[in-house]
Amino acid sequence: MSAYLLINHLLNFMAPAALLALLLVVLPRFFLGFFSSKRPVAKSWWWQVAINFVVGMLLLLAGLVLLGRDGKMLTYVGLVLGMATSQWWLLGGWKK
């Protein structure tokens, strides 16, 4: 496998976690009030994106190791649930 193909595979592996991390932080800002918090744990939006991305990558790697291949729907369900829980925690959802 050439370096180009390796980079292409790695970027495509990381793409769902990156897109979901960005959407989880940016979209609620358009719907002011659904996910707002008085005192969020992570102050800035880029810090929330970074933490959610790391959580998503760990979940994708766990799905790859446990299920033996990439792209299984169970992995993506875990990705969505895990990153939503992470964002809930970052916004201080348990404080309400």
N, C-alpha and C. Protein backbone atom coordinates (compact mmCIF):
# COMPACT_ATOMS: atom_id res chain seq x y z
N MET A 1 0.84 -1.17 0.00
CA MET A 1 0.00 0.00 0.00
C MET A 1 0.90 1.24 0.00
N SER A 2 0.58 2.15 -0.87
CA SER A 2 1.38 3.37 -0.97
C SER A 2 1.01 4.33 0.16
N ALA A 3 1.85 5.33 0.34
CA ALA A 3 1.59 6.33 1.39
C ALA A 3 0.31 7.10 1.10
N TYR A 4 0.03 7.37 -0.15
CA TYR A 4 -1.20 8.07 -0.51
C TYR A 4 -2.43 7.27 -0.10
N LEU A 5 -2.43 5.98 -0.38
CA LEU A 5 -3.58 5.15 -0.01
C LEU A 5 -3.71 5.00 1.50
N LEU A 6 -2.60 4.92 2.20
CA LEU A 6 -2.64 4.83 3.65
C LEU A 6 -3.25 6.09 4.27
N ILE A 7 -2.81 7.25 3.79
CA ILE A 7 -3.36 8.51 4.28
C ILE A 7 -4.84 8.62 3.94
N ASN A 8 -5.21 8.19 2.74
CA ASN A 8 -6.61 8.21 2.32
C ASN A 8 -7.47 7.33 3.23
N HIS A 9 -7.00 6.14 3.55
CA HIS A 9 -7.74 5.24 4.44
C HIS A 9 -7.87 5.82 5.84
N LEU A 10 -6.79 6.40 6.35
CA LEU A 10 -6.83 6.97 7.70
C LEU A 10 -7.77 8.17 7.77
N LEU A 11 -7.75 9.03 6.77
CA LEU A 11 -8.65 10.18 6.75
C LEU A 11 -10.11 9.75 6.64
N ASN A 12 -10.38 8.74 5.83
CA ASN A 12 -11.74 8.24 5.72
C ASN A 12 -12.19 7.52 7.00
N PHE A 13 -11.26 6.94 7.73
CA PHE A 13 -11.60 6.31 9.00
C PHE A 13 -11.95 7.37 10.05
N MET A 14 -11.26 8.51 10.02
CA MET A 14 -11.48 9.57 10.99
C MET A 14 -12.64 10.49 10.64
N ALA A 15 -13.10 10.47 9.41
CA ALA A 15 -14.11 11.43 8.95
C ALA A 15 -15.42 11.40 9.73
N PRO A 16 -16.00 10.23 10.06
CA PRO A 16 -17.25 10.26 10.83
C PRO A 16 -17.11 10.91 12.20
N ALA A 17 -16.01 10.65 12.87
CA ALA A 17 -15.79 11.26 14.20
C ALA A 17 -15.58 12.76 14.08
N ALA A 18 -14.87 13.19 13.07
CA ALA A 18 -14.61 14.62 12.90
C ALA A 18 -15.89 15.38 12.55
N LEU A 19 -16.68 14.85 11.64
CA LEU A 19 -17.91 15.52 11.24
C LEU A 19 -18.92 15.56 12.38
N LEU A 20 -19.08 14.46 13.08
CA LEU A 20 -20.03 14.42 14.18
C LEU A 20 -19.58 15.33 15.33
N ALA A 21 -18.29 15.40 15.60
CA ALA A 21 -17.79 16.28 16.64
C ALA A 21 -18.09 17.74 16.30
N LEU A 22 -17.90 18.11 15.06
CA LEU A 22 -18.18 19.48 14.64
C LEU A 22 -19.67 19.78 14.68
N LEU A 23 -20.48 18.85 14.20
CA LEU A 23 -21.93 19.08 14.18
C LEU A 23 -22.52 19.14 15.59
N LEU A 24 -22.01 18.33 16.50
CA LEU A 24 -22.52 18.34 17.87
C LEU A 24 -22.30 19.67 18.58
N VAL A 25 -21.28 20.38 18.17
CA VAL A 25 -20.97 21.64 18.84
C VAL A 25 -21.58 22.83 18.10
N VAL A 26 -21.57 22.80 16.78
CA VAL A 26 -22.00 23.96 16.00
C VAL A 26 -23.51 24.03 15.85
N LEU A 27 -24.18 22.93 15.56
CA LEU A 27 -25.61 22.98 15.30
C LEU A 27 -26.46 23.44 16.48
N PRO A 28 -26.19 23.03 17.72
CA PRO A 28 -27.02 23.55 18.82
C PRO A 28 -26.94 25.06 18.99
N ARG A 29 -25.89 25.69 18.49
CA ARG A 29 -25.80 27.14 18.57
C ARG A 29 -26.85 27.81 17.69
N PHE A 30 -27.33 27.11 16.65
CA PHE A 30 -28.39 27.63 15.81
C PHE A 30 -29.75 27.47 16.48
N PHE A 31 -29.88 26.47 17.32
CA PHE A 31 -31.12 26.21 18.04
C PHE A 31 -30.94 26.62 19.50
N LEU A 32 -30.76 27.89 19.73
CA LEU A 32 -30.45 28.42 21.06
C LEU A 32 -31.47 27.97 22.08
N GLY A 33 -31.06 27.25 23.06
CA GLY A 33 -31.94 26.86 24.14
C GLY A 33 -32.07 25.36 24.31
N PHE A 34 -31.88 24.57 23.25
CA PHE A 34 -31.99 23.13 23.40
C PHE A 34 -30.88 22.57 24.28
N PHE A 35 -29.66 22.94 23.98
CA PHE A 35 -28.52 22.38 24.70
C PHE A 35 -27.70 23.45 25.40
N SER A 36 -28.33 24.53 25.77
CA SER A 36 -27.58 25.59 26.43
C SER A 36 -27.36 25.22 27.90
N SER A 37 -26.32 25.75 28.44
CA SER A 37 -25.97 25.47 29.82
C SER A 37 -25.49 26.76 30.48
N LYS A 38 -25.70 26.86 31.77
CA LYS A 38 -25.24 28.05 32.48
C LYS A 38 -23.73 28.04 32.69
N ARG A 39 -23.21 26.86 32.99
CA ARG A 39 -21.78 26.74 33.23
C ARG A 39 -21.25 25.48 32.57
N PRO A 40 -20.87 25.55 31.31
CA PRO A 40 -20.34 24.35 30.65
C PRO A 40 -18.97 23.98 31.21
N VAL A 41 -18.65 22.70 31.12
CA VAL A 41 -17.36 22.22 31.61
C VAL A 41 -16.23 22.71 30.70
N ALA A 42 -16.41 22.55 29.39
CA ALA A 42 -15.42 23.04 28.43
C ALA A 42 -15.88 24.41 27.94
N LYS A 43 -15.06 25.42 28.11
CA LYS A 43 -15.45 26.80 27.84
C LYS A 43 -15.60 27.11 26.35
N SER A 44 -14.65 26.75 25.54
CA SER A 44 -14.69 27.17 24.14
C SER A 44 -15.22 26.06 23.24
N TRP A 45 -15.74 26.46 22.11
CA TRP A 45 -16.33 25.49 21.19
C TRP A 45 -15.28 24.60 20.57
N TRP A 46 -14.09 25.10 20.28
CA TRP A 46 -13.07 24.25 19.65
C TRP A 46 -12.55 23.21 20.62
N TRP A 47 -12.57 23.52 21.93
CA TRP A 47 -12.16 22.53 22.93
C TRP A 47 -13.19 21.41 23.01
N GLN A 48 -14.48 21.75 22.88
CA GLN A 48 -15.53 20.74 22.85
C GLN A 48 -15.39 19.85 21.61
N VAL A 49 -15.08 20.45 20.46
CA VAL A 49 -14.88 19.67 19.24
C VAL A 49 -13.70 18.71 19.42
N ALA A 50 -12.61 19.19 20.00
CA ALA A 50 -11.43 18.35 20.18
C ALA A 50 -11.71 17.17 21.11
N ILE A 51 -12.40 17.42 22.21
CA ILE A 51 -12.70 16.34 23.16
C ILE A 51 -13.65 15.33 22.52
N ASN A 52 -14.68 15.82 21.83
CA ASN A 52 -15.60 14.91 21.16
C ASN A 52 -14.92 14.11 20.06
N PHE A 53 -13.97 14.72 19.36
CA PHE A 53 -13.24 14.00 18.32
C PHE A 53 -12.40 12.86 18.92
N VAL A 54 -11.75 13.13 20.03
CA VAL A 54 -10.94 12.09 20.68
C VAL A 54 -11.83 10.95 21.16
N VAL A 55 -12.97 11.29 21.76
CA VAL A 55 -13.91 10.26 22.20
C VAL A 55 -14.39 9.44 21.01
N GLY A 56 -14.71 10.12 19.91
CA GLY A 56 -15.17 9.42 18.71
C GLY A 56 -14.11 8.50 18.12
N MET A 57 -12.87 8.96 18.11
CA MET A 57 -11.79 8.11 17.58
C MET A 57 -11.57 6.88 18.46
N LEU A 58 -11.66 7.05 19.76
CA LEU A 58 -11.52 5.90 20.65
C LEU A 58 -12.65 4.89 20.43
N LEU A 59 -13.86 5.39 20.22
CA LEU A 59 -14.98 4.49 19.96
C LEU A 59 -14.85 3.79 18.61
N LEU A 60 -14.37 4.50 17.60
CA LEU A 60 -14.15 3.86 16.29
C LEU A 60 -13.06 2.80 16.37
N LEU A 61 -12.00 3.09 17.10
CA LEU A 61 -10.93 2.10 17.27
C LEU A 61 -11.43 0.89 18.06
N ALA A 62 -12.24 1.12 19.08
CA ALA A 62 -12.79 0.01 19.85
C ALA A 62 -13.69 -0.86 18.97
N GLY A 63 -14.49 -0.23 18.13
CA GLY A 63 -15.34 -0.99 17.20
C GLY A 63 -14.53 -1.78 16.20
N LEU A 64 -13.43 -1.20 15.73
CA LEU A 64 -12.56 -1.91 14.79
C LEU A 64 -11.92 -3.12 15.45
N VAL A 65 -11.47 -2.96 16.68
CA VAL A 65 -10.81 -4.07 17.39
C VAL A 65 -11.82 -5.16 17.76
N LEU A 66 -12.96 -4.76 18.30
CA LEU A 66 -13.93 -5.74 18.78
C LEU A 66 -14.67 -6.46 17.66
N LEU A 67 -15.01 -5.74 16.60
CA LEU A 67 -15.80 -6.33 15.52
C LEU A 67 -14.95 -6.84 14.35
N GLY A 68 -13.69 -6.47 14.31
CA GLY A 68 -12.80 -7.02 13.30
C GLY A 68 -12.75 -6.28 11.98
N ARG A 69 -13.63 -5.31 11.77
CA ARG A 69 -13.57 -4.51 10.55
C ARG A 69 -14.25 -3.18 10.77
N ASP A 70 -13.93 -2.27 9.89
CA ASP A 70 -14.46 -0.92 9.99
C ASP A 70 -15.81 -0.84 9.28
N GLY A 71 -16.65 0.08 9.72
CA GLY A 71 -17.89 0.36 9.01
C GLY A 71 -19.09 -0.44 9.47
N LYS A 72 -19.02 -1.12 10.58
CA LYS A 72 -20.19 -1.84 11.09
C LYS A 72 -21.16 -0.86 11.71
N MET A 73 -22.45 -1.11 11.56
CA MET A 73 -23.46 -0.20 12.08
C MET A 73 -23.42 -0.12 13.59
N LEU A 74 -23.07 -1.20 14.26
CA LEU A 74 -22.96 -1.18 15.72
C LEU A 74 -21.89 -0.18 16.17
N THR A 75 -20.82 -0.06 15.41
CA THR A 75 -19.79 0.91 15.73
C THR A 75 -20.32 2.33 15.61
N TYR A 76 -21.09 2.58 14.56
CA TYR A 76 -21.62 3.93 14.36
C TYR A 76 -22.70 4.27 15.39
N VAL A 77 -23.47 3.29 15.83
CA VAL A 77 -24.44 3.53 16.91
C VAL A 77 -23.69 3.90 18.19
N GLY A 78 -22.64 3.16 18.49
CA GLY A 78 -21.82 3.49 19.65
C GLY A 78 -21.15 4.85 19.53
N LEU A 79 -20.76 5.21 18.31
CA LEU A 79 -20.15 6.51 18.07
C LEU A 79 -21.13 7.63 18.38
N VAL A 80 -22.35 7.53 17.88
CA VAL A 80 -23.35 8.57 18.12
C VAL A 80 -23.72 8.65 19.60
N LEU A 81 -23.96 7.52 20.23
CA LEU A 81 -24.34 7.53 21.64
C LEU A 81 -23.19 8.01 22.54
N GLY A 82 -22.01 7.56 22.25
CA GLY A 82 -20.85 7.97 23.05
C GLY A 82 -20.52 9.44 22.91
N MET A 83 -20.58 9.96 21.69
CA MET A 83 -20.27 11.37 21.50
C MET A 83 -21.39 12.27 22.01
N ALA A 84 -22.64 11.82 21.92
CA ALA A 84 -23.74 12.59 22.49
C ALA A 84 -23.62 12.66 24.01
N THR A 85 -23.23 11.55 24.62
CA THR A 85 -23.01 11.55 26.07
C THR A 85 -21.85 12.45 26.45
N SER A 86 -20.80 12.44 25.64
CA SER A 86 -19.66 13.30 25.89
C SER A 86 -20.05 14.78 25.80
N GLN A 87 -20.82 15.13 24.79
CA GLN A 87 -21.26 16.52 24.65
C GLN A 87 -22.20 16.92 25.79
N TRP A 88 -23.05 16.02 26.20
CA TRP A 88 -23.94 16.29 27.34
C TRP A 88 -23.12 16.57 28.59
N TRP A 89 -22.08 15.78 28.80
CA TRP A 89 -21.22 15.98 29.96
C TRP A 89 -20.46 17.30 29.85
N LEU A 90 -19.95 17.62 28.64
CA LEU A 90 -19.20 18.85 28.46
C LEU A 90 -20.06 20.10 28.68
N LEU A 91 -21.34 20.00 28.38
CA LEU A 91 -22.24 21.13 28.58
C LEU A 91 -22.78 21.20 29.99
N GLY A 92 -22.44 20.24 30.81
CA GLY A 92 -22.92 20.23 32.19
C GLY A 92 -24.38 19.86 32.28
N GLY A 93 -24.83 18.90 31.50
CA GLY A 93 -26.22 18.52 31.45
C GLY A 93 -26.74 17.91 32.74
N TRP A 94 -25.88 17.40 33.57
CA TRP A 94 -26.33 16.78 34.82
C TRP A 94 -26.63 17.84 35.89
N LYS A 95 -26.28 19.10 35.63
CA LYS A 95 -26.46 20.15 36.62
C LYS A 95 -27.85 20.75 36.61
N LYS A 96 -28.64 20.46 35.60
CA LYS A 96 -29.95 21.12 35.46
C LYS A 96 -30.96 20.57 36.41
